[in-house]
Amino acid sequence: MSSTTFVIEAGHPCLDGHFPGAPVVPGVLVLERVIDAVQRDSGRRIIGVRRCKFVAALYPGETCDIEWSADSGAARFVCHGPEGVLARGVLNLEGRQDG
């Protein structure tokens, strides 16, 4: 199992208008952080999103912990926020893992 953490600060440009008066970190930004972490740490390219379910909101300034593991063709991930699970899913990986 691999893991990483990130925080989207209140001044991030993606929050402008998402949603006025009650900003929420867009799910696509959370998913982008997951994909970046898996590609960086595994050395393998993501070629698709097999499944992704968002079950709670992430708010600016909150910490998001990403945990993931990979097998020969997929990476399974879970994102945790202050109140528990935010999102979970499966990403398709290109090629086979060396070794």
C-alpha atoms as a PDB file:
ATOM      1  CA  MET A   1       0.000   0.000   0.000  1.00  0.00           C
ATOM      2  CA  SER A   2       1.332   3.447  -0.923  1.00  0.00           C
ATOM      3  CA  SER A   3       0.083   6.755   0.369  1.00  0.00           C
ATOM      4  CA  THR A   4       0.374  10.506  -0.017  1.00  0.00           C
ATOM      5  CA  THR A   5      -1.363  13.591   1.356  1.00  0.00           C
ATOM      6  CA  PHE A   6      -2.460  16.896  -0.138  1.00  0.00           C
ATOM      7  CA  VAL A   7      -4.332  20.082   0.809  1.00  0.00           C
ATOM      8  CA  ILE A   8      -6.121  22.466  -1.573  1.00  0.00           C
ATOM      9  CA  GLU A   9      -5.858  25.935  -0.061  1.00  0.00           C
ATOM     10  CA  ALA A  10      -8.741  28.425  -0.094  1.00  0.00           C
ATOM     11  CA  GLY A  11      -7.060  30.611  -2.741  1.00  0.00           C
ATOM     12  CA  HIS A  12      -6.818  27.846  -5.382  1.00  0.00           C
ATOM     13  CA  PRO A  13      -8.281  29.089  -8.714  1.00  0.00           C
ATOM     14  CA  CYS A  14     -10.501  25.998  -9.121  1.00  0.00           C
ATOM     15  CA  LEU A  15     -12.599  27.131  -6.160  1.00  0.00           C
ATOM     16  CA  ASP A  16     -13.735  30.388  -7.763  1.00  0.00           C
ATOM     17  CA  GLY A  17     -17.420  29.757  -8.415  1.00  0.00           C
ATOM     18  CA  HIS A  18     -17.394  26.155  -7.097  1.00  0.00           C
ATOM     19  CA  PHE A  19     -19.615  27.026  -5.126  1.00  0.00           C
ATOM     20  CA  PRO A  20     -20.037  30.710  -4.214  1.00  0.00           C
ATOM     21  CA  GLY A  21     -20.248  31.163  -0.451  1.00  0.00           C
ATOM     22  CA  ALA A  22     -19.573  27.473   0.266  1.00  0.00           C
ATOM     23  CA  PRO A  23     -16.516  26.322  -1.736  1.00  0.00           C
ATOM     24  CA  VAL A  24     -16.007  22.600  -2.318  1.00  0.00           C
ATOM     25  CA  VAL A  25     -12.900  21.071  -3.895  1.00  0.00           C
ATOM     26  CA  PRO A  26     -14.006  19.707  -7.301  1.00  0.00           C
ATOM     27  CA  GLY A  27     -13.907  15.928  -7.579  1.00  0.00           C
ATOM     28  CA  VAL A  28     -11.884  16.193 -10.770  1.00  0.00           C
ATOM     29  CA  LEU A  29      -9.086  17.902  -8.807  1.00  0.00           C
ATOM     30  CA  VAL A  30      -9.090  15.114  -6.210  1.00  0.00           C
ATOM     31  CA  LEU A  31      -8.963  12.520  -8.995  1.00  0.00           C
ATOM     32  CA  GLU A  32      -6.114  14.443 -10.679  1.00  0.00           C
ATOM     33  CA  ARG A  33      -4.111  14.253  -7.434  1.00  0.00           C
ATOM     34  CA  VAL A  34      -4.779  10.497  -7.210  1.00  0.00           C
ATOM     35  CA  ILE A  35      -3.644   9.940 -10.801  1.00  0.00           C
ATOM     36  CA  ASP A  36      -0.505  12.064 -10.296  1.00  0.00           C
ATOM     37  CA  ALA A  37       0.437  10.102  -7.156  1.00  0.00           C
ATOM     38  CA  VAL A  38      -0.095   6.679  -8.743  1.00  0.00           C
ATOM     39  CA  GLN A  39       1.832   7.580 -11.897  1.00  0.00           C
ATOM     40  CA  ARG A  40       4.689   9.193  -9.935  1.00  0.00           C
ATOM     41  CA  ASP A  41       5.074   6.401  -7.389  1.00  0.00           C
ATOM     42  CA  SER A  42       4.458   3.421  -9.668  1.00  0.00           C
ATOM     43  CA  GLY A  43       6.261   4.702 -12.757  1.00  0.00           C
ATOM     44  CA  ARG A  44       3.273   3.546 -14.797  1.00  0.00           C
ATOM     45  CA  ARG A  45       0.817   5.561 -16.858  1.00  0.00           C
ATOM     46  CA  ILE A  46      -2.913   5.668 -16.097  1.00  0.00           C
ATOM     47  CA  ILE A  47      -4.862   4.845 -19.247  1.00  0.00           C
ATOM     48  CA  GLY A  48      -8.370   5.068 -17.856  1.00  0.00           C
ATOM     49  CA  VAL A  49     -10.680   5.375 -14.915  1.00  0.00           C
ATOM     50  CA  ARG A  50     -12.498   2.087 -14.445  1.00  0.00           C
ATOM     51  CA  ARG A  51     -14.544   3.251 -11.481  1.00  0.00           C
ATOM     52  CA  CYS A  52     -14.650   6.280  -9.189  1.00  0.00           C
ATOM     53  CA  LYS A  53     -17.231   7.110  -6.532  1.00  0.00           C
ATOM     54  CA  PHE A  54     -17.241  10.284  -4.461  1.00  0.00           C
ATOM     55  CA  VAL A  55     -19.075   9.782  -1.172  1.00  0.00           C
ATOM     56  CA  ALA A  56     -18.251  12.993   0.712  1.00  0.00           C
ATOM     57  CA  ALA A  57     -17.028  16.529   0.064  1.00  0.00           C
ATOM     58  CA  LEU A  58     -13.524  17.911   0.551  1.00  0.00           C
ATOM     59  CA  TYR A  59     -13.365  21.540   1.649  1.00  0.00           C
ATOM     60  CA  PRO A  60     -10.524  24.029   1.146  1.00  0.00           C
ATOM     61  CA  GLY A  61      -7.789  23.692   3.762  1.00  0.00           C
ATOM     62  CA  GLU A  62      -8.721  20.107   4.665  1.00  0.00           C
ATOM     63  CA  THR A  63      -6.165  17.321   4.365  1.00  0.00           C
ATOM     64  CA  CYS A  64      -6.856  14.488   1.943  1.00  0.00           C
ATOM     65  CA  ASP A  65      -4.959  11.213   2.433  1.00  0.00           C
ATOM     66  CA  ILE A  66      -4.695   8.971  -0.630  1.00  0.00           C
ATOM     67  CA  GLU A  67      -3.965   5.269  -0.172  1.00  0.00           C
ATOM     68  CA  TRP A  68      -3.487   3.046  -3.190  1.00  0.00           C
ATOM     69  CA  SER A  69      -2.156  -0.316  -4.318  1.00  0.00           C
ATOM     70  CA  ALA A  70      -1.495  -1.702  -7.776  1.00  0.00           C
ATOM     71  CA  ASP A  71      -1.483  -5.091  -9.436  1.00  0.00           C
ATOM     72  CA  SER A  72      -0.621  -5.971 -13.029  1.00  0.00           C
ATOM     73  CA  GLY A  73      -3.397  -3.929 -14.618  1.00  0.00           C
ATOM     74  CA  ALA A  74      -5.100  -1.719 -12.060  1.00  0.00           C
ATOM     75  CA  ALA A  75      -4.573   0.615  -9.126  1.00  0.00           C
ATOM     76  CA  ARG A  76      -7.196   0.676  -6.399  1.00  0.00           C
ATOM     77  CA  PHE A  77      -7.421   3.836  -4.322  1.00  0.00           C
ATOM     78  CA  VAL A  78      -9.240   5.299  -1.332  1.00  0.00           C
ATOM     79  CA  CYS A  79      -9.185   8.986  -0.359  1.00  0.00           C
ATOM     80  CA  HIS A  80      -9.758   9.918   3.294  1.00  0.00           C
ATOM     81  CA  GLY A  81     -10.658  13.333   4.670  1.00  0.00           C
ATOM     82  CA  PRO A  82     -11.310  14.611   8.193  1.00  0.00           C
ATOM     83  CA  GLU A  83     -14.698  12.874   8.373  1.00  0.00           C
ATOM     84  CA  GLY A  84     -13.733   9.569   6.730  1.00  0.00           C
ATOM     85  CA  VAL A  85     -13.816   8.224   3.174  1.00  0.00           C
ATOM     86  CA  LEU A  86     -14.161  10.865   0.436  1.00  0.00           C
ATOM     87  CA  ALA A  87     -13.728   8.734  -2.672  1.00  0.00           C
ATOM     88  CA  ARG A  88     -12.681   5.300  -3.865  1.00  0.00           C
ATOM     89  CA  GLY A  89     -12.091   3.723  -7.208  1.00  0.00           C
ATOM     90  CA  VAL A  90     -10.002   1.756  -9.677  1.00  0.00           C
ATOM     91  CA  LEU A  91      -7.663   3.111 -12.358  1.00  0.00           C
ATOM     92  CA  ASN A  92      -6.441   1.159 -15.385  1.00  0.00           C
ATOM     93  CA  LEU A  93      -2.656   0.969 -15.716  1.00  0.00           C
ATOM     94  CA  GLU A  94      -0.645   0.696 -18.901  1.00  0.00           C
ATOM     95  CA  GLY A  95       1.676  -2.281 -19.305  1.00  0.00           C
ATOM     96  CA  ARG A  96       2.981  -4.653 -16.696  1.00  0.00           C
ATOM     97  CA  GLN A  97       4.976  -3.825 -13.605  1.00  0.00           C
ATOM     98  CA  ASP A  98       8.715  -4.661 -13.790  1.00  0.00           C
ATOM     99  CA  GLY A  99      10.094  -7.290 -11.459  1.00  0.00           C
END
